Structures are given as C-alpha cells and as structure tokens.
N, C-alpha and C. Protein backbone atom coordinates (compact mmCIF):
# COMPACT_ATOMS: atom_id res chain seq x y z
N SER A 1 114.90 86.89 97.14
CA SER A 1 113.95 86.13 97.55
C SER A 1 112.49 86.30 97.46
N HIS A 2 112.28 86.97 96.73
CA HIS A 2 110.90 87.37 96.45
C HIS A 2 110.37 87.19 94.77
N GLU A 3 111.25 86.92 93.99
CA GLU A 3 110.97 85.97 92.43
C GLU A 3 109.61 85.55 92.40
N ARG A 4 109.68 84.57 92.77
CA ARG A 4 108.56 84.15 92.60
C ARG A 4 107.67 83.84 93.27
N ILE A 5 106.96 84.65 94.07
CA ILE A 5 105.90 85.18 94.40
C ILE A 5 105.44 86.48 93.59
N CYS A 6 106.54 86.85 92.75
CA CYS A 6 105.93 88.67 92.40
C CYS A 6 106.19 87.53 90.96
N GLN A 7 106.67 86.56 90.25
CA GLN A 7 106.44 86.30 88.98
C GLN A 7 104.33 85.37 89.37
N TYR A 8 104.07 84.83 90.13
CA TYR A 8 102.78 83.93 90.26
C TYR A 8 101.96 85.36 90.82
N ILE A 9 102.08 86.21 91.53
CA ILE A 9 101.52 87.61 91.69
C ILE A 9 100.85 87.97 89.88
N ALA A 10 102.45 88.47 89.71
CA ALA A 10 101.94 88.71 88.16
C ALA A 10 101.17 88.01 87.68
N LYS A 11 101.64 86.72 86.86
CA LYS A 11 100.39 85.31 86.46
C LYS A 11 99.23 85.60 86.32
N GLU A 12 98.72 85.24 87.71
CA GLU A 12 97.08 85.38 88.31
C GLU A 12 96.63 86.63 88.22
N SER A 13 97.31 87.64 88.71
CA SER A 13 96.54 88.96 87.87
C SER A 13 96.39 89.59 86.66
N GLY A 14 97.38 88.72 85.86
CA GLY A 14 97.70 89.92 84.60
C GLY A 14 98.37 91.02 84.79
N SER A 15 99.46 90.71 86.08
CA SER A 15 99.78 92.40 86.01
C SER A 15 101.50 92.40 85.57
N LEU A 16 101.51 93.92 85.40
CA LEU A 16 103.23 93.78 85.68
C LEU A 16 103.62 93.92 86.61
N VAL A 17 104.48 93.26 87.35
CA VAL A 17 105.15 93.74 88.75
C VAL A 17 106.40 94.08 88.70
N VAL A 18 106.68 95.06 89.19
CA VAL A 18 107.71 95.98 89.64
C VAL A 18 108.80 95.41 91.05
N SER A 19 109.40 94.98 91.20
CA SER A 19 109.98 94.78 92.58
C SER A 19 111.22 95.27 92.52
N VAL A 20 111.08 95.78 93.95
CA VAL A 20 112.00 97.10 94.39
C VAL A 20 113.60 96.29 94.98
N GLY A 21 114.55 96.30 94.80
CA GLY A 21 115.82 96.17 95.53
C GLY A 21 116.40 96.84 96.35
N TYR A 22 115.75 97.14 97.33
CA TYR A 22 116.51 98.41 98.31
C TYR A 22 117.54 97.85 99.10
N ARG A 23 118.11 99.22 99.72
CA ARG A 23 119.28 98.74 100.54
C ARG A 23 118.93 98.32 101.93
N LEU A 24 119.41 97.18 102.35
CA LEU A 24 119.66 97.01 103.72
C LEU A 24 120.10 97.36 104.77
N ALA A 25 119.63 97.22 105.93
CA ALA A 25 120.31 97.24 107.30
C ALA A 25 120.31 96.12 107.80
N PRO A 26 122.00 96.08 108.58
CA PRO A 26 122.17 97.36 109.35
C PRO A 26 123.51 98.74 108.55
N GLU A 27 123.73 98.03 107.54
CA GLU A 27 124.80 98.89 106.83
C GLU A 27 124.43 100.03 105.93
N HIS A 28 123.22 99.61 105.81
CA HIS A 28 122.51 101.19 105.35
C HIS A 28 120.94 101.38 105.75
N LYS A 29 121.05 102.14 107.45
CA LYS A 29 120.03 102.44 108.35
C LYS A 29 118.99 103.36 107.14
N TYR A 30 117.97 103.96 108.31
CA TYR A 30 116.77 104.35 107.73
C TYR A 30 117.69 105.93 107.36
N PRO A 31 117.40 106.30 106.20
CA PRO A 31 116.26 106.19 104.96
C PRO A 31 116.43 105.77 104.35
N ALA A 32 117.52 104.89 104.01
CA ALA A 32 118.18 104.63 102.74
C ALA A 32 117.04 103.65 102.39
N ALA A 33 116.45 102.64 102.96
CA ALA A 33 115.55 101.62 102.23
C ALA A 33 113.93 102.53 101.78
N TYR A 34 114.04 102.99 102.51
CA TYR A 34 112.63 104.27 102.18
C TYR A 34 112.81 105.16 101.21
N GLU A 35 113.96 105.58 101.07
CA GLU A 35 114.04 106.52 99.72
C GLU A 35 114.47 105.76 98.23
N ASP A 36 115.09 104.56 98.24
CA ASP A 36 115.06 103.44 97.48
C ASP A 36 113.65 103.30 96.74
N CYS A 37 113.22 103.08 97.97
CA CYS A 37 111.46 102.79 97.33
C CYS A 37 110.33 104.14 96.88
N LEU A 38 110.63 104.80 97.78
CA LEU A 38 110.01 105.78 97.03
C LEU A 38 110.74 106.61 95.63
N ASN A 39 111.76 106.59 95.79
CA ASN A 39 112.53 107.32 94.21
C ASN A 39 111.98 106.07 93.01
N ALA A 40 112.19 104.20 93.27
CA ALA A 40 112.07 103.67 92.41
C ALA A 40 110.11 103.79 92.20
N THR A 41 109.39 104.30 92.90
CA THR A 41 107.82 104.20 93.31
C THR A 41 108.06 105.92 91.93
N GLN A 42 108.06 106.69 92.48
CA GLN A 42 107.82 107.83 91.86
C GLN A 42 108.93 108.00 90.25
N HIS A 43 109.72 107.33 89.97
CA HIS A 43 110.20 107.00 88.42
C HIS A 43 109.31 106.09 87.84
N PHE A 44 108.72 105.28 88.38
CA PHE A 44 107.87 104.44 87.44
C PHE A 44 106.78 105.00 87.02
N LEU A 45 105.87 105.97 88.33
CA LEU A 45 104.62 106.53 88.02
C LEU A 45 105.04 107.60 86.76
N GLN A 46 106.02 107.91 86.99
CA GLN A 46 106.30 109.02 85.71
C GLN A 46 106.53 108.58 84.17
N HIS A 47 106.67 107.17 84.37
CA HIS A 47 107.47 106.84 82.99
C HIS A 47 106.28 105.26 82.52
N LEU A 48 105.18 105.68 82.98
CA LEU A 48 104.24 104.56 82.93
C LEU A 48 104.02 104.25 81.38
N GLU A 49 103.76 104.81 80.66
CA GLU A 49 103.13 104.78 79.65
C GLU A 49 104.68 104.16 78.75
N HIS A 50 105.69 104.32 79.21
CA HIS A 50 106.69 103.77 78.36
C HIS A 50 107.17 102.02 78.97
N TYR A 51 106.09 101.87 80.44
CA TYR A 51 105.83 100.25 80.30
C TYR A 51 104.56 99.70 79.98
N GLY A 52 103.50 100.76 79.63
CA GLY A 52 101.83 100.25 79.05
C GLY A 52 101.35 100.05 80.24
N VAL A 53 101.27 100.98 81.14
CA VAL A 53 100.61 100.57 82.49
C VAL A 53 99.13 101.59 82.49
N ASP A 54 98.60 101.33 83.07
CA ASP A 54 97.19 102.23 83.25
C ASP A 54 97.51 103.08 84.22
N PRO A 55 97.74 104.17 84.34
CA PRO A 55 98.46 104.87 85.67
C PRO A 55 96.75 104.86 86.53
N ALA A 56 95.68 104.20 86.08
CA ALA A 56 94.77 103.93 87.25
C ALA A 56 95.16 103.25 87.73
N ARG A 57 95.60 102.27 87.22
CA ARG A 57 95.83 100.49 87.94
C ARG A 57 96.69 100.14 88.89
N VAL A 58 97.63 101.42 89.63
CA VAL A 58 99.10 101.12 89.80
C VAL A 58 98.69 100.43 91.59
N THR A 59 99.83 99.54 92.14
CA THR A 59 99.34 99.35 93.47
C THR A 59 100.11 98.91 93.99
N VAL A 60 101.38 99.46 95.38
CA VAL A 60 102.13 99.02 95.89
C VAL A 60 102.24 97.99 96.92
N CYS A 61 102.65 97.00 97.19
CA CYS A 61 102.53 96.16 97.74
C CYS A 61 103.92 96.09 98.56
N GLY A 62 104.27 95.13 100.13
CA GLY A 62 104.65 94.52 100.36
C GLY A 62 105.06 93.79 101.59
N ASP A 63 105.61 93.07 102.31
CA ASP A 63 105.62 92.01 103.70
C ASP A 63 106.86 92.95 104.12
N SER A 64 106.40 92.48 105.60
CA SER A 64 107.29 92.51 106.49
C SER A 64 107.87 94.40 106.70
N ALA A 65 109.51 94.20 106.52
CA ALA A 65 109.75 95.80 106.35
C ALA A 65 109.44 96.12 105.05
N GLY A 66 109.33 95.63 103.90
CA GLY A 66 108.47 96.23 102.97
C GLY A 66 107.09 96.67 103.01
N GLY A 67 106.53 95.97 104.02
CA GLY A 67 104.65 96.97 104.14
C GLY A 67 104.97 97.83 104.82
N ASN A 68 106.15 98.22 105.71
CA ASN A 68 105.82 99.72 106.22
C ASN A 68 106.82 100.42 105.33
N LEU A 69 107.27 99.96 104.12
CA LEU A 69 107.68 101.05 103.22
C LEU A 69 106.78 101.27 102.26
N ALA A 70 106.20 100.47 101.97
CA ALA A 70 104.70 100.31 100.89
C ALA A 70 103.70 101.80 101.97
N ALA A 71 103.74 101.19 103.47
CA ALA A 71 102.75 102.35 103.63
C ALA A 71 103.64 103.82 103.25
N ALA A 72 104.49 103.80 104.06
CA ALA A 72 105.45 105.25 103.83
C ALA A 72 105.60 105.94 102.50
N VAL A 73 105.75 104.60 101.47
CA VAL A 73 105.62 105.43 100.29
C VAL A 73 104.22 106.17 99.69
N SER A 74 103.32 105.25 100.32
CA SER A 74 101.74 105.64 100.30
C SER A 74 101.47 106.48 100.48
N GLN A 75 102.04 107.04 102.02
CA GLN A 75 101.29 108.34 102.89
C GLN A 75 102.34 109.45 101.96
N THR A 76 103.63 109.23 101.50
CA THR A 76 104.45 110.58 100.77
C THR A 76 103.56 111.15 99.73
N LEU A 77 103.40 109.97 98.33
CA LEU A 77 102.83 110.20 97.52
C LEU A 77 101.19 110.41 97.70
N ALA A 78 100.35 110.72 98.65
CA ALA A 78 98.65 111.09 98.93
C ALA A 78 98.43 112.14 98.27
N GLY A 79 99.47 113.09 98.59
CA GLY A 79 99.19 114.27 98.41
C GLY A 79 99.85 115.22 97.22
N ARG A 80 100.59 114.08 96.69
CA ARG A 80 100.93 114.57 95.14
C ARG A 80 100.30 114.88 93.98
N SER A 81 100.24 115.97 93.45
CA SER A 81 99.51 116.13 92.28
C SER A 81 100.23 116.01 90.80
N ASP A 82 101.31 115.77 91.36
CA ASP A 82 102.46 115.45 89.40
C ASP A 82 102.21 114.44 89.09
N LEU A 83 101.71 113.28 89.85
CA LEU A 83 102.08 111.98 89.65
C LEU A 83 100.62 111.35 89.47
N PRO A 84 100.41 109.68 89.36
CA PRO A 84 99.05 109.38 89.57
C PRO A 84 98.93 108.77 90.56
N ARG A 85 97.56 108.85 91.02
CA ARG A 85 97.64 108.19 91.88
C ARG A 85 97.65 106.76 92.54
N LEU A 86 97.98 106.53 93.55
CA LEU A 86 97.97 105.16 93.32
C LEU A 86 96.87 104.42 94.24
N ARG A 87 96.64 103.46 93.22
CA ARG A 87 94.86 102.96 93.46
C ARG A 87 94.71 102.25 94.82
N ALA A 88 96.11 101.33 95.51
CA ALA A 88 95.78 101.02 96.28
C ALA A 88 96.97 100.64 97.15
N GLN A 89 97.22 99.78 98.62
CA GLN A 89 97.90 99.49 99.14
C GLN A 89 98.04 98.10 99.40
N ILE A 90 98.83 97.02 99.65
CA ILE A 90 98.60 95.78 99.74
C ILE A 90 99.91 95.66 101.25
N LEU A 91 99.17 95.18 102.18
CA LEU A 91 100.43 95.25 103.40
C LEU A 91 100.30 94.08 104.18
N ILE A 92 101.34 93.18 104.04
CA ILE A 92 101.57 92.03 104.36
C ILE A 92 102.26 91.75 105.43
N TYR A 93 101.74 91.95 106.81
CA TYR A 93 102.22 91.74 108.00
C TYR A 93 103.39 92.88 108.04
N PRO A 94 102.79 94.20 108.12
CA PRO A 94 103.55 94.76 108.04
C PRO A 94 104.27 95.60 109.28
N GLY A 95 105.75 96.05 109.50
CA GLY A 95 106.03 96.58 110.73
C GLY A 95 105.42 98.29 110.62
N LEU A 96 104.13 98.15 111.72
CA LEU A 96 103.96 99.78 111.34
C LEU A 96 104.29 100.74 112.47
N GLN A 97 104.53 99.93 113.40
CA GLN A 97 104.80 101.08 114.68
C GLN A 97 105.68 100.17 116.14
N ALA A 98 106.48 101.79 116.01
CA ALA A 98 107.50 100.75 117.24
C ALA A 98 107.77 101.28 118.62
N LEU A 99 106.33 102.13 119.11
CA LEU A 99 106.10 102.90 119.70
C LEU A 99 106.25 102.03 121.13
N ASP A 100 105.30 100.45 120.74
CA ASP A 100 105.07 99.62 122.28
C ASP A 100 104.88 98.73 121.43
N PHE A 101 105.80 97.77 121.88
CA PHE A 101 106.11 96.54 121.56
C PHE A 101 105.68 95.32 122.20
N ASN A 102 104.61 96.38 123.54
CA ASN A 102 103.89 95.05 124.82
C ASN A 102 102.82 95.10 124.42
N LEU A 103 101.99 95.81 122.83
CA LEU A 103 100.48 95.64 122.44
C LEU A 103 99.99 94.04 122.77
N PRO A 104 98.38 93.53 122.87
CA PRO A 104 97.97 92.59 123.14
C PRO A 104 98.78 91.69 121.58
N SER A 105 98.61 92.40 120.71
CA SER A 105 99.08 91.39 119.72
C SER A 105 100.42 90.82 119.82
N TYR A 106 101.52 91.96 120.38
CA TYR A 106 102.99 91.16 120.34
C TYR A 106 103.00 89.91 121.57
N GLN A 107 102.03 90.25 122.57
CA GLN A 107 102.15 88.91 123.57
C GLN A 107 101.75 88.15 123.01
N GLN A 108 100.60 88.27 122.95
CA GLN A 108 99.76 86.83 122.11
C GLN A 108 100.62 86.10 121.10
N ASN A 109 101.22 87.02 120.53
CA ASN A 109 102.74 86.40 119.30
C ASN A 109 104.03 85.70 119.65
N ARG A 110 103.91 86.34 121.13
CA ARG A 110 105.75 86.98 121.16
C ARG A 110 106.12 85.66 121.14
N GLY A 111 105.93 84.49 120.84
CA GLY A 111 106.67 83.13 120.97
C GLY A 111 106.17 81.69 120.06
N VAL A 112 105.39 83.25 118.73
CA VAL A 112 105.31 82.54 117.48
C VAL A 112 106.34 82.57 116.54
N PRO A 113 106.50 81.79 115.96
CA PRO A 113 107.57 81.52 114.90
C PRO A 113 107.22 81.98 113.79
N LEU A 114 107.54 82.94 113.36
CA LEU A 114 108.58 82.95 112.52
C LEU A 114 109.64 84.41 113.50
N LEU A 115 108.70 85.29 113.46
CA LEU A 115 109.43 86.53 114.08
C LEU A 115 108.49 86.77 115.74
N PHE A 116 109.33 86.49 116.07
CA PHE A 116 109.41 86.74 117.68
C PHE A 116 109.36 87.52 118.20
N ARG A 117 108.90 88.47 119.24
CA ARG A 117 108.80 89.62 119.88
C ARG A 117 110.06 90.37 119.84
N GLU A 118 110.84 89.61 119.91
CA GLU A 118 112.46 90.03 120.35
C GLU A 118 113.02 90.23 119.17
N ARG A 119 112.93 90.02 117.80
CA ARG A 119 113.14 89.62 116.76
C ARG A 119 112.63 90.57 116.37
N ALA A 120 111.79 90.72 116.59
CA ALA A 120 110.79 92.25 115.75
C ALA A 120 111.49 93.21 116.28
N VAL A 121 111.80 93.47 117.38
CA VAL A 121 112.66 94.88 117.83
C VAL A 121 113.56 94.42 117.69
N PHE A 122 113.92 93.51 117.30
CA PHE A 122 116.24 93.37 116.88
C PHE A 122 116.05 94.29 115.76
N TYR A 123 115.14 93.82 114.38
CA TYR A 123 115.08 94.15 113.33
C TYR A 123 115.28 95.65 113.01
N SER A 124 114.02 95.81 113.72
CA SER A 124 113.24 97.01 113.76
C SER A 124 114.47 98.30 114.15
N LEU A 125 115.14 97.99 115.32
CA LEU A 125 116.42 98.63 115.32
C LEU A 125 117.74 99.24 114.93
N GLN A 126 117.51 97.77 114.05
CA GLN A 126 118.70 97.68 112.68
C GLN A 126 118.04 98.78 111.92
N TYR A 127 116.83 98.23 111.17
CA TYR A 127 116.37 99.09 110.66
C TYR A 127 116.81 100.90 110.85
N VAL A 128 115.89 101.40 112.01
CA VAL A 128 115.66 102.47 112.43
C VAL A 128 117.58 103.07 112.29
N GLN A 129 118.49 102.36 113.46
CA GLN A 129 119.75 103.15 113.85
C GLN A 129 121.01 102.51 113.47
N GLY A 130 121.05 101.12 112.97
CA GLY A 130 122.11 100.25 112.70
C GLY A 130 122.39 99.07 113.74
N ASP A 131 121.86 100.06 115.07
CA ASP A 131 122.40 99.05 116.25
C ASP A 131 121.46 98.44 117.04
N THR A 132 121.62 97.47 117.74
CA THR A 132 120.36 97.11 119.11
C THR A 132 121.02 97.24 120.24
N SER A 133 121.90 98.52 119.88
CA SER A 133 122.13 98.44 121.94
C SER A 133 121.13 98.71 123.29
N ASN A 134 120.24 99.38 122.67
CA ASN A 134 119.05 99.60 124.11
C ASN A 134 117.62 99.19 123.36
N LEU A 135 117.80 97.36 122.99
CA LEU A 135 116.82 96.70 122.56
C LEU A 135 115.70 96.26 123.91
N GLU A 136 116.98 96.09 124.98
CA GLU A 136 116.02 96.51 126.67
C GLU A 136 114.98 97.40 126.78
N GLU A 137 115.79 98.30 126.59
CA GLU A 137 114.67 99.24 127.15
C GLU A 137 114.12 99.90 125.66
N VAL A 138 113.82 99.14 124.27
CA VAL A 138 112.69 99.09 123.78
C VAL A 138 111.38 97.83 124.01
N LEU A 139 112.32 96.71 124.62
CA LEU A 139 111.05 95.49 125.23
C LEU A 139 110.58 96.41 125.80
N GLU A 140 110.90 97.01 127.23
CA GLU A 140 110.47 97.39 127.98
C GLU A 140 109.50 98.69 128.34
N GLY A 141 109.72 99.55 126.45
CA GLY A 141 108.85 100.50 126.34
C GLY A 141 109.35 101.77 126.88
N SER A 142 110.20 101.62 127.46
CA SER A 142 110.59 103.32 128.07
C SER A 142 111.64 103.93 126.90
N HIS A 143 111.79 103.81 125.80
CA HIS A 143 112.17 104.58 125.06
C HIS A 143 111.46 105.15 124.79
N ILE A 144 109.87 105.48 125.40
CA ILE A 144 108.84 106.41 124.51
C ILE A 144 109.01 107.68 125.73
N PRO A 145 108.87 108.85 125.37
CA PRO A 145 108.61 109.77 126.97
C PRO A 145 107.07 109.36 126.97
N PRO A 146 106.63 109.68 128.17
CA PRO A 146 105.62 109.57 128.51
C PRO A 146 104.55 110.67 128.00
N ASP A 147 105.26 112.08 127.49
CA ASP A 147 104.00 112.98 126.83
C ASP A 147 104.16 112.32 124.66
N MET A 148 105.05 111.36 124.55
CA MET A 148 104.78 111.06 123.30
C MET A 148 103.91 110.23 123.39
N ARG A 149 104.13 108.91 124.43
CA ARG A 149 102.93 107.79 124.09
C ARG A 149 101.72 108.87 124.70
N LEU A 150 101.43 109.80 125.58
CA LEU A 150 100.04 109.98 125.77
C LEU A 150 99.91 110.68 124.32
N LYS A 151 100.26 111.48 123.66
CA LYS A 151 100.13 111.88 121.84
C LYS A 151 99.53 110.93 121.66
N TYR A 152 99.99 109.65 121.08
CA TYR A 152 99.58 108.50 120.09
C TYR A 152 98.39 107.58 120.56
N ARG A 153 98.45 107.74 122.18
CA ARG A 153 97.43 106.71 122.80
C ARG A 153 96.28 106.83 122.09
N LYS A 154 95.52 107.26 121.45
CA LYS A 154 94.29 107.35 120.56
C LYS A 154 94.76 106.11 119.03
N TRP A 155 95.92 106.18 118.53
CA TRP A 155 96.24 105.20 117.67
C TRP A 155 96.89 104.21 117.96
N VAL A 156 97.66 104.01 119.01
CA VAL A 156 98.37 103.13 119.89
C VAL A 156 98.27 102.53 121.58
N SER A 157 97.64 101.84 121.83
CA SER A 157 96.98 101.96 122.71
C SER A 157 96.14 99.97 122.59
N PRO A 158 96.13 99.58 124.03
CA PRO A 158 95.70 98.10 124.00
C PRO A 158 94.27 98.24 123.63
N ASP A 159 93.42 99.25 123.39
CA ASP A 159 92.30 99.66 123.44
C ASP A 159 92.17 99.44 122.12
C-alpha cells in the first residue's frame, strides 16, 4: 500500500528506503507488528555496510499504526550501544496513546474522515487485543483505573 510513497521519498531525498511488511491485526495482535519492525530495524542496522548506508543517517518513519511502531522501535533502540543510533524518527499522524480518546483533538476531529474517533478506537483495540468487545468502555474512558489516569495526567490531559 505504501510502495509509491516510499519510491517518491527515496527519489526526492536521494535515500534508500526500506519498508517493513509487518504482520497485521486482528490475526496477529500486539506485539507481533512491533516485533517484526524491531527485528527488521535491528537486522538493517547490523548490516548497514552491506547496503552501503551511512550509519549516521538512518531514520525511521511511519504513519498511523506505523507511526506508533516507529516510535516504539525508536524508544527501544535509544539505549542500545551495540547498534548505530537512529538519526531521527518521522511520525505521521501516529497513534501514540490509548488512555483517553476524549481529549480535545479527538473531540475536534471526531467526525472528520478518514479516521473517525470510533474507528480509531476500533483499530486500536484490534491491534492490542484482537477484538473490540470493550469498545464502548474505551470510548467512555472507563477502561483506565483512576490511579493510572492520575499517574499519566502530566502527559495525557486536555491541558
């Protein structure tokens, strides 16, 4: 689905683009896609000389769920001293939190195509648990215990 945009990025930036075909939900729930992306990135970083890539110029990128995966891979590799450091991460409308789907951005864009608020929750649940049985609970925000909500209030809040 992303071949043309990857070709465009490669051509316009003069870069080598590696696209990871990771396993998809709901058949393969979390952490399958994350493990696929992490393993592919580690392998690539371990074999940069084979591809003729400058170790100081490696960037990960993803959109939507791929943005979530790029962020997770970046965080995992940030502390590794046995691999080249990633230069950057590019996150295009990433799914980065599932604590609160009632934040202002979700409310403002709840009816904006293509990814309606309910659809975002639906796909998030497919990715994490492979089913959507608690969709309404997540939309209401009752899937998070109050103590956890307080703990992460600094990072996830309307403010």
